[in-house]
Amino acid sequence: MSRPRLSAARKAILAARAIGTLNDVIPRGRRPARLSAPVAWRRLSPEERAFVEPVLALHCKVGEQGRPAFHDPMERLEACLEAACQRGPWRGVRSAVAPRMSGDALHRCFRRWAARGMWMALLRQLAAVRGRFPALEYFVCRAFRRAWRMQGLHGVMLARETGFASALRAPPSCFPDPVLSANCHLGLIAPMLKGAAAWPAGVRESFGRVLRAVARWCGGVRRIRRAWEPA
């Protein structure tokens, strides 16, 4: 038995309803994603240092115990940014800003600041003055990208909200989106499930395909390829 064909007007009405529903579930308030222009590494300017100094002072504990530091916090920050602009492993990093720090010591400092949330704080500060420091924006995005394992989903959400696509290892659509998932559940799935008990078998199968497509849309991809990483 052949299925009844829909008229062109009926197809247009259904398409308009689907587009309206999708527009309702798309998260609002996010800045449009854009890639930062690549910049060759250089030392920070006096204006850039004055911009990052309050964030650095907040996340760097001056009196903490440990070995004596041969370089001040600003030099260590610049060394971390210099290392983040490279693609090699940390053990092979040789910084011209902090020559007395090995790659492993620099990595420990980088991870310590990532655990304290400094790279996320710098990204928020740059979002407030977007476009004022393009070189610093690129350097911080590279450092933010290197700390992605420690920052996890919170870092992905922050990069989405601020629109810094260069802070992610792949396009934003490749990562899970909890806000989009919640909107789809409230605005798309829950209203449709109210009458699911009276659905025929064919409709239930079609709805299952819709759920799988929504899960792929909200859940991102399973594996991030190295070729997807921005410059």
C-alpha atoms as a PDB file:
ATOM      1  CA  MET A   1       0.000   0.000   0.000  1.00  0.00           C
ATOM      2  CA  SER A   2       1.509   3.281  -1.112  1.00  0.00           C
ATOM      3  CA  ARG A   3       1.724   6.214   1.273  1.00  0.00           C
ATOM      4  CA  PRO A   4      -0.428   9.264   0.542  1.00  0.00           C
ATOM      5  CA  ARG A   5       1.578  12.046  -1.027  1.00  0.00           C
ATOM      6  CA  LEU A   6       1.644  15.463   0.616  1.00  0.00           C
ATOM      7  CA  SER A   7       0.807  18.513  -1.406  1.00  0.00           C
ATOM      8  CA  ALA A   8       3.365  21.277  -1.898  1.00  0.00           C
ATOM      9  CA  ALA A   9       1.447  23.587   0.421  1.00  0.00           C
ATOM     10  CA  ARG A  10       1.347  20.942   3.172  1.00  0.00           C
ATOM     11  CA  LYS A  11       5.104  20.327   2.813  1.00  0.00           C
ATOM     12  CA  ALA A  12       5.754  24.072   3.095  1.00  0.00           C
ATOM     13  CA  ILE A  13       3.670  24.282   6.271  1.00  0.00           C
ATOM     14  CA  LEU A  14       5.471  21.331   7.881  1.00  0.00           C
ATOM     15  CA  ALA A  15       8.876  22.743   6.899  1.00  0.00           C
ATOM     16  CA  ALA A  16       7.997  26.139   8.374  1.00  0.00           C
ATOM     17  CA  ARG A  17       6.896  24.504  11.641  1.00  0.00           C
ATOM     18  CA  ALA A  18      10.107  22.449  11.812  1.00  0.00           C
ATOM     19  CA  ILE A  19      12.279  25.524  11.196  1.00  0.00           C
ATOM     20  CA  GLY A  20      10.366  27.463  13.846  1.00  0.00           C
ATOM     21  CA  THR A  21      10.807  24.642  16.357  1.00  0.00           C
ATOM     22  CA  LEU A  22      14.541  24.437  15.653  1.00  0.00           C
ATOM     23  CA  ASN A  23      14.905  28.202  16.051  1.00  0.00           C
ATOM     24  CA  ASP A  24      13.209  27.929  19.447  1.00  0.00           C
ATOM     25  CA  VAL A  25      15.643  25.323  20.770  1.00  0.00           C
ATOM     26  CA  ILE A  26      18.865  26.980  19.550  1.00  0.00           C
ATOM     27  CA  PRO A  27      20.599  28.583  22.584  1.00  0.00           C
ATOM     28  CA  ARG A  28      20.407  32.374  22.800  1.00  0.00           C
ATOM     29  CA  GLY A  29      22.882  34.906  24.119  1.00  0.00           C
ATOM     30  CA  ARG A  30      25.993  33.386  22.569  1.00  0.00           C
ATOM     31  CA  ARG A  31      28.432  35.442  20.585  1.00  0.00           C
ATOM     32  CA  PRO A  32      28.973  34.304  16.985  1.00  0.00           C
ATOM     33  CA  ALA A  33      31.954  31.985  16.744  1.00  0.00           C
ATOM     34  CA  ARG A  34      34.991  33.281  14.891  1.00  0.00           C
ATOM     35  CA  LEU A  35      38.615  32.232  14.545  1.00  0.00           C
ATOM     36  CA  SER A  36      41.371  34.488  15.854  1.00  0.00           C
ATOM     37  CA  ALA A  37      43.933  35.604  13.278  1.00  0.00           C
ATOM     38  CA  PRO A  38      47.205  33.673  13.731  1.00  0.00           C
ATOM     39  CA  VAL A  39      50.078  35.800  15.048  1.00  0.00           C
ATOM     40  CA  ALA A  40      53.733  34.822  15.334  1.00  0.00           C
ATOM     41  CA  TRP A  41      54.955  34.656  18.921  1.00  0.00           C
ATOM     42  CA  ARG A  42      56.396  37.826  20.434  1.00  0.00           C
ATOM     43  CA  ARG A  43      56.797  39.277  23.903  1.00  0.00           C
ATOM     44  CA  LEU A  44      53.779  41.005  25.388  1.00  0.00           C
ATOM     45  CA  SER A  45      53.530  44.771  25.040  1.00  0.00           C
ATOM     46  CA  PRO A  46      53.268  47.024  28.139  1.00  0.00           C
ATOM     47  CA  GLU A  47      49.520  47.453  27.493  1.00  0.00           C
ATOM     48  CA  GLU A  48      49.012  43.688  27.272  1.00  0.00           C
ATOM     49  CA  ARG A  49      51.009  43.121  30.451  1.00  0.00           C
ATOM     50  CA  ALA A  50      48.922  45.702  32.294  1.00  0.00           C
ATOM     51  CA  PHE A  51      45.796  43.916  31.061  1.00  0.00           C
ATOM     52  CA  VAL A  52      46.789  40.437  32.277  1.00  0.00           C
ATOM     53  CA  GLU A  53      48.522  41.520  35.488  1.00  0.00           C
ATOM     54  CA  PRO A  54      45.352  41.667  37.675  1.00  0.00           C
ATOM     55  CA  VAL A  55      44.301  38.171  36.552  1.00  0.00           C
ATOM     56  CA  LEU A  56      47.819  36.853  37.071  1.00  0.00           C
ATOM     57  CA  ALA A  57      48.040  38.356  40.561  1.00  0.00           C
ATOM     58  CA  LEU A  58      44.708  36.785  41.480  1.00  0.00           C
ATOM     59  CA  HIS A  59      45.720  33.258  40.444  1.00  0.00           C
ATOM     60  CA  CYS A  60      49.414  33.297  41.308  1.00  0.00           C
ATOM     61  CA  LYS A  61      50.148  32.674  44.998  1.00  0.00           C
ATOM     62  CA  VAL A  62      53.307  34.629  45.757  1.00  0.00           C
ATOM     63  CA  GLY A  63      54.029  33.031  49.145  1.00  0.00           C
ATOM     64  CA  GLU A  64      53.321  29.402  48.233  1.00  0.00           C
ATOM     65  CA  GLN A  65      55.808  26.762  49.274  1.00  0.00           C
ATOM     66  CA  GLY A  66      58.148  25.118  46.819  1.00  0.00           C
ATOM     67  CA  ARG A  67      61.457  25.615  45.111  1.00  0.00           C
ATOM     68  CA  PRO A  68      62.611  29.198  44.614  1.00  0.00           C
ATOM     69  CA  ALA A  69      61.487  30.583  41.264  1.00  0.00           C
ATOM     70  CA  PHE A  70      64.185  31.956  38.984  1.00  0.00           C
ATOM     71  CA  HIS A  71      61.635  33.972  36.985  1.00  0.00           C
ATOM     72  CA  ASP A  72      58.833  36.267  38.076  1.00  0.00           C
ATOM     73  CA  PRO A  73      55.186  35.342  37.348  1.00  0.00           C
ATOM     74  CA  MET A  74      54.966  37.560  34.267  1.00  0.00           C
ATOM     75  CA  GLU A  75      57.998  35.881  32.698  1.00  0.00           C
ATOM     76  CA  ARG A  76      56.543  32.462  33.481  1.00  0.00           C
ATOM     77  CA  LEU A  77      53.229  33.507  31.931  1.00  0.00           C
ATOM     78  CA  GLU A  78      54.953  34.667  28.773  1.00  0.00           C
ATOM     79  CA  ALA A  79      56.944  31.423  28.683  1.00  0.00           C
ATOM     80  CA  CYS A  80      53.701  29.425  28.941  1.00  0.00           C
ATOM     81  CA  LEU A  81      52.167  31.432  26.107  1.00  0.00           C
ATOM     82  CA  GLU A  82      55.313  30.932  24.029  1.00  0.00           C
ATOM     83  CA  ALA A  83      55.173  27.173  24.641  1.00  0.00           C
ATOM     84  CA  ALA A  84      51.448  27.074  23.832  1.00  0.00           C
ATOM     85  CA  CYS A  85      52.167  28.565  20.406  1.00  0.00           C
ATOM     86  CA  GLN A  86      54.326  25.530  19.647  1.00  0.00           C
ATOM     87  CA  ARG A  87      52.972  22.104  18.714  1.00  0.00           C
ATOM     88  CA  GLY A  88      55.738  19.935  20.152  1.00  0.00           C
ATOM     89  CA  PRO A  89      55.656  18.117  23.506  1.00  0.00           C
ATOM     90  CA  TRP A  90      56.360  20.021  26.699  1.00  0.00           C
ATOM     91  CA  ARG A  91      59.568  18.133  27.422  1.00  0.00           C
ATOM     92  CA  GLY A  92      61.110  19.618  24.273  1.00  0.00           C
ATOM     93  CA  VAL A  93      60.126  23.233  25.012  1.00  0.00           C
ATOM     94  CA  ARG A  94      62.970  25.714  25.360  1.00  0.00           C
ATOM     95  CA  SER A  95      61.678  29.174  26.191  1.00  0.00           C
ATOM     96  CA  ALA A  96      63.686  32.290  25.415  1.00  0.00           C
ATOM     97  CA  VAL A  97      61.654  34.221  27.993  1.00  0.00           C
ATOM     98  CA  ALA A  98      62.444  31.857  30.891  1.00  0.00           C
ATOM     99  CA  PRO A  99      65.629  30.025  29.864  1.00  0.00           C
ATOM    100  CA  ARG A 100      66.263  28.598  33.346  1.00  0.00           C
ATOM    101  CA  MET A 101      62.973  26.665  33.326  1.00  0.00           C
ATOM    102  CA  SER A 102      62.862  23.221  31.766  1.00  0.00           C
ATOM    103  CA  GLY A 103      59.922  22.087  29.702  1.00  0.00           C
ATOM    104  CA  ASP A 104      58.636  19.860  32.517  1.00  0.00           C
ATOM    105  CA  ALA A 105      58.809  22.684  35.072  1.00  0.00           C
ATOM    106  CA  LEU A 106      56.991  24.974  32.663  1.00  0.00           C
ATOM    107  CA  HIS A 107      54.326  22.321  32.134  1.00  0.00           C
ATOM    108  CA  ARG A 108      53.770  22.002  35.880  1.00  0.00           C
ATOM    109  CA  CYS A 109      53.336  25.761  36.138  1.00  0.00           C
ATOM    110  CA  PHE A 110      50.917  25.715  33.191  1.00  0.00           C
ATOM    111  CA  ARG A 111      48.830  22.925  34.729  1.00  0.00           C
ATOM    112  CA  ARG A 112      48.816  24.621  38.140  1.00  0.00           C
ATOM    113  CA  TRP A 113      47.376  27.799  36.630  1.00  0.00           C
ATOM    114  CA  ALA A 114      44.879  25.785  34.580  1.00  0.00           C
ATOM    115  CA  ALA A 115      43.662  24.055  37.765  1.00  0.00           C
ATOM    116  CA  ARG A 116      43.153  27.467  39.366  1.00  0.00           C
ATOM    117  CA  GLY A 117      41.111  28.667  36.374  1.00  0.00           C
ATOM    118  CA  MET A 118      43.486  31.343  35.148  1.00  0.00           C
ATOM    119  CA  TRP A 119      43.194  30.560  31.439  1.00  0.00           C
ATOM    120  CA  MET A 120      39.404  30.647  31.689  1.00  0.00           C
ATOM    121  CA  ALA A 121      39.587  33.964  33.561  1.00  0.00           C
ATOM    122  CA  LEU A 122      41.831  35.432  30.864  1.00  0.00           C
ATOM    123  CA  LEU A 123      39.410  34.316  28.164  1.00  0.00           C
ATOM    124  CA  ARG A 124      36.516  36.019  29.995  1.00  0.00           C
ATOM    125  CA  GLN A 125      38.543  39.222  30.326  1.00  0.00           C
ATOM    126  CA  LEU A 126      39.382  39.193  26.627  1.00  0.00           C
ATOM    127  CA  ALA A 127      35.727  38.646  25.740  1.00  0.00           C
ATOM    128  CA  ALA A 128      34.856  41.842  27.632  1.00  0.00           C
ATOM    129  CA  VAL A 129      37.272  43.880  25.457  1.00  0.00           C
ATOM    130  CA  ARG A 130      37.006  41.847  22.290  1.00  0.00           C
ATOM    131  CA  GLY A 131      39.214  43.040  19.452  1.00  0.00           C
ATOM    132  CA  ARG A 132      41.392  45.321  21.577  1.00  0.00           C
ATOM    133  CA  PHE A 133      44.321  42.879  21.924  1.00  0.00           C
ATOM    134  CA  PRO A 134      44.248  40.558  18.864  1.00  0.00           C
ATOM    135  CA  ALA A 135      47.723  39.108  19.449  1.00  0.00           C
ATOM    136  CA  LEU A 136      47.078  38.402  23.132  1.00  0.00           C
ATOM    137  CA  GLU A 137      43.713  36.911  22.193  1.00  0.00           C
ATOM    138  CA  TYR A 138      45.421  34.439  19.876  1.00  0.00           C
ATOM    139  CA  PHE A 139      48.101  33.532  22.442  1.00  0.00           C
ATOM    140  CA  VAL A 140      45.519  32.908  25.190  1.00  0.00           C
ATOM    141  CA  CYS A 141      43.343  30.841  22.841  1.00  0.00           C
ATOM    142  CA  ARG A 142      46.334  28.617  22.093  1.00  0.00           C
ATOM    143  CA  ALA A 143      47.037  28.206  25.812  1.00  0.00           C
ATOM    144  CA  PHE A 144      43.343  27.561  26.504  1.00  0.00           C
ATOM    145  CA  ARG A 145      43.343  24.877  23.834  1.00  0.00           C
ATOM    146  CA  ARG A 146      46.336  23.143  25.401  1.00  0.00           C
ATOM    147  CA  ALA A 147      44.519  22.946  28.750  1.00  0.00           C
ATOM    148  CA  TRP A 148      41.377  21.371  27.301  1.00  0.00           C
ATOM    149  CA  ARG A 149      41.675  18.108  29.252  1.00  0.00           C
ATOM    150  CA  MET A 150      41.760  19.912  32.611  1.00  0.00           C
ATOM    151  CA  GLN A 151      38.986  22.377  31.771  1.00  0.00           C
ATOM    152  CA  GLY A 152      36.657  19.775  30.323  1.00  0.00           C
ATOM    153  CA  LEU A 153      33.107  20.626  29.372  1.00  0.00           C
ATOM    154  CA  HIS A 154      33.204  23.895  31.345  1.00  0.00           C
ATOM    155  CA  GLY A 155      35.942  25.130  29.040  1.00  0.00           C
ATOM    156  CA  VAL A 156      33.968  24.115  25.960  1.00  0.00           C
ATOM    157  CA  MET A 157      30.909  25.994  27.198  1.00  0.00           C
ATOM    158  CA  LEU A 158      32.973  29.097  27.970  1.00  0.00           C
ATOM    159  CA  ALA A 159      34.535  29.059  24.492  1.00  0.00           C
ATOM    160  CA  ARG A 160      31.041  28.765  23.000  1.00  0.00           C
ATOM    161  CA  GLU A 161      29.620  31.607  25.074  1.00  0.00           C
ATOM    162  CA  THR A 162      32.500  33.967  24.295  1.00  0.00           C
ATOM    163  CA  GLY A 163      32.691  32.979  20.615  1.00  0.00           C
ATOM    164  CA  PHE A 164      36.413  32.175  20.631  1.00  0.00           C
ATOM    165  CA  ALA A 165      36.480  29.272  18.164  1.00  0.00           C
ATOM    166  CA  SER A 166      40.298  29.219  18.232  1.00  0.00           C
ATOM    167  CA  ALA A 167      40.135  28.148  21.879  1.00  0.00           C
ATOM    168  CA  LEU A 168      38.691  24.765  20.811  1.00  0.00           C
ATOM    169  CA  ARG A 169      40.485  21.869  19.155  1.00  0.00           C
ATOM    170  CA  ALA A 170      37.751  21.526  16.525  1.00  0.00           C
ATOM    171  CA  PRO A 171      34.647  23.433  15.321  1.00  0.00           C
ATOM    172  CA  PRO A 172      32.146  24.052  18.171  1.00  0.00           C
ATOM    173  CA  SER A 173      29.612  21.654  16.622  1.00  0.00           C
ATOM    174  CA  CYS A 174      32.010  18.750  17.272  1.00  0.00           C
ATOM    175  CA  PHE A 175      31.616  19.069  21.065  1.00  0.00           C
ATOM    176  CA  PRO A 176      28.633  18.201  23.310  1.00  0.00           C
ATOM    177  CA  ASP A 177      26.201  21.023  24.010  1.00  0.00           C
ATOM    178  CA  PRO A 178      24.277  20.569  27.294  1.00  0.00           C
ATOM    179  CA  VAL A 179      22.242  23.755  26.779  1.00  0.00           C
ATOM    180  CA  LEU A 180      21.090  22.672  23.331  1.00  0.00           C
ATOM    181  CA  SER A 181      20.289  19.209  24.701  1.00  0.00           C
ATOM    182  CA  ALA A 182      18.114  20.670  27.477  1.00  0.00           C
ATOM    183  CA  ASN A 183      16.333  22.981  25.014  1.00  0.00           C
ATOM    184  CA  CYS A 184      15.624  20.072  22.669  1.00  0.00           C
ATOM    185  CA  HIS A 185      14.184  18.050  25.528  1.00  0.00           C
ATOM    186  CA  LEU A 186      11.939  20.855  26.766  1.00  0.00           C
ATOM    187  CA  GLY A 187      10.908  22.341  23.433  1.00  0.00           C
ATOM    188  CA  LEU A 188      10.939  19.377  21.080  1.00  0.00           C
ATOM    189  CA  ILE A 189      10.928  15.955  22.733  1.00  0.00           C
ATOM    190  CA  ALA A 190       8.760  16.452  25.835  1.00  0.00           C
ATOM    191  CA  PRO A 191       5.790  18.044  23.957  1.00  0.00           C
ATOM    192  CA  MET A 192       5.819  15.255  21.374  1.00  0.00           C
ATOM    193  CA  LEU A 193       5.904  12.488  24.001  1.00  0.00           C
ATOM    194  CA  LYS A 194       2.583  13.586  25.505  1.00  0.00           C
ATOM    195  CA  GLY A 195       0.623  11.747  22.829  1.00  0.00           C
ATOM    196  CA  ALA A 196       3.077   8.900  22.289  1.00  0.00           C
ATOM    197  CA  ALA A 197       0.732   6.276  23.791  1.00  0.00           C
ATOM    198  CA  ALA A 198      -1.689   6.587  20.878  1.00  0.00           C
ATOM    199  CA  TRP A 199       0.940   6.513  18.144  1.00  0.00           C
ATOM    200  CA  PRO A 200       0.935   3.660  15.626  1.00  0.00           C
ATOM    201  CA  ALA A 201       4.061   1.523  15.285  1.00  0.00           C
ATOM    202  CA  GLY A 202       5.332   3.375  12.208  1.00  0.00           C
ATOM    203  CA  VAL A 203       5.180   6.739  13.951  1.00  0.00           C
ATOM    204  CA  ARG A 204       7.087   5.387  16.960  1.00  0.00           C
ATOM    205  CA  GLU A 205       9.853   4.097  14.686  1.00  0.00           C
ATOM    206  CA  SER A 206      10.093   7.460  12.943  1.00  0.00           C
ATOM    207  CA  PHE A 207      10.236   9.240  16.295  1.00  0.00           C
ATOM    208  CA  GLY A 208      13.082   6.951  17.330  1.00  0.00           C
ATOM    209  CA  ARG A 209      15.033   8.080  14.260  1.00  0.00           C
ATOM    210  CA  VAL A 210      14.328  11.688  15.205  1.00  0.00           C
ATOM    211  CA  LEU A 211      15.683  11.075  18.717  1.00  0.00           C
ATOM    212  CA  ARG A 212      18.872   9.545  17.329  1.00  0.00           C
ATOM    213  CA  ALA A 213      19.348  12.532  15.023  1.00  0.00           C
ATOM    214  CA  VAL A 214      18.839  14.966  17.935  1.00  0.00           C
ATOM    215  CA  ALA A 215      21.343  12.996  20.025  1.00  0.00           C
ATOM    216  CA  ARG A 216      23.933  13.282  17.247  1.00  0.00           C
ATOM    217  CA  TRP A 217      23.205  17.001  16.944  1.00  0.00           C
ATOM    218  CA  CYS A 218      23.617  17.688  20.664  1.00  0.00           C
ATOM    219  CA  GLY A 219      26.280  15.115  21.528  1.00  0.00           C
ATOM    220  CA  GLY A 220      29.055  16.118  19.156  1.00  0.00           C
ATOM    221  CA  VAL A 221      31.439  13.649  17.578  1.00  0.00           C
ATOM    222  CA  ARG A 222      33.091  10.698  19.285  1.00  0.00           C
ATOM    223  CA  ARG A 223      36.654  11.439  18.180  1.00  0.00           C
ATOM    224  CA  ILE A 224      38.352  14.785  17.535  1.00  0.00           C
ATOM    225  CA  ARG A 225      40.805  14.543  14.635  1.00  0.00           C
ATOM    226  CA  ARG A 226      44.072  16.457  14.733  1.00  0.00           C
ATOM    227  CA  ALA A 227      43.410  17.852  11.246  1.00  0.00           C
ATOM    228  CA  TRP A 228      40.395  19.773  12.593  1.00  0.00           C
ATOM    229  CA  GLU A 229      42.496  21.867  14.967  1.00  0.00           C
ATOM    230  CA  PRO A 230      42.656  25.541  13.911  1.00  0.00           C
ATOM    231  CA  ALA A 231      45.919  27.373  13.293  1.00  0.00           C
END
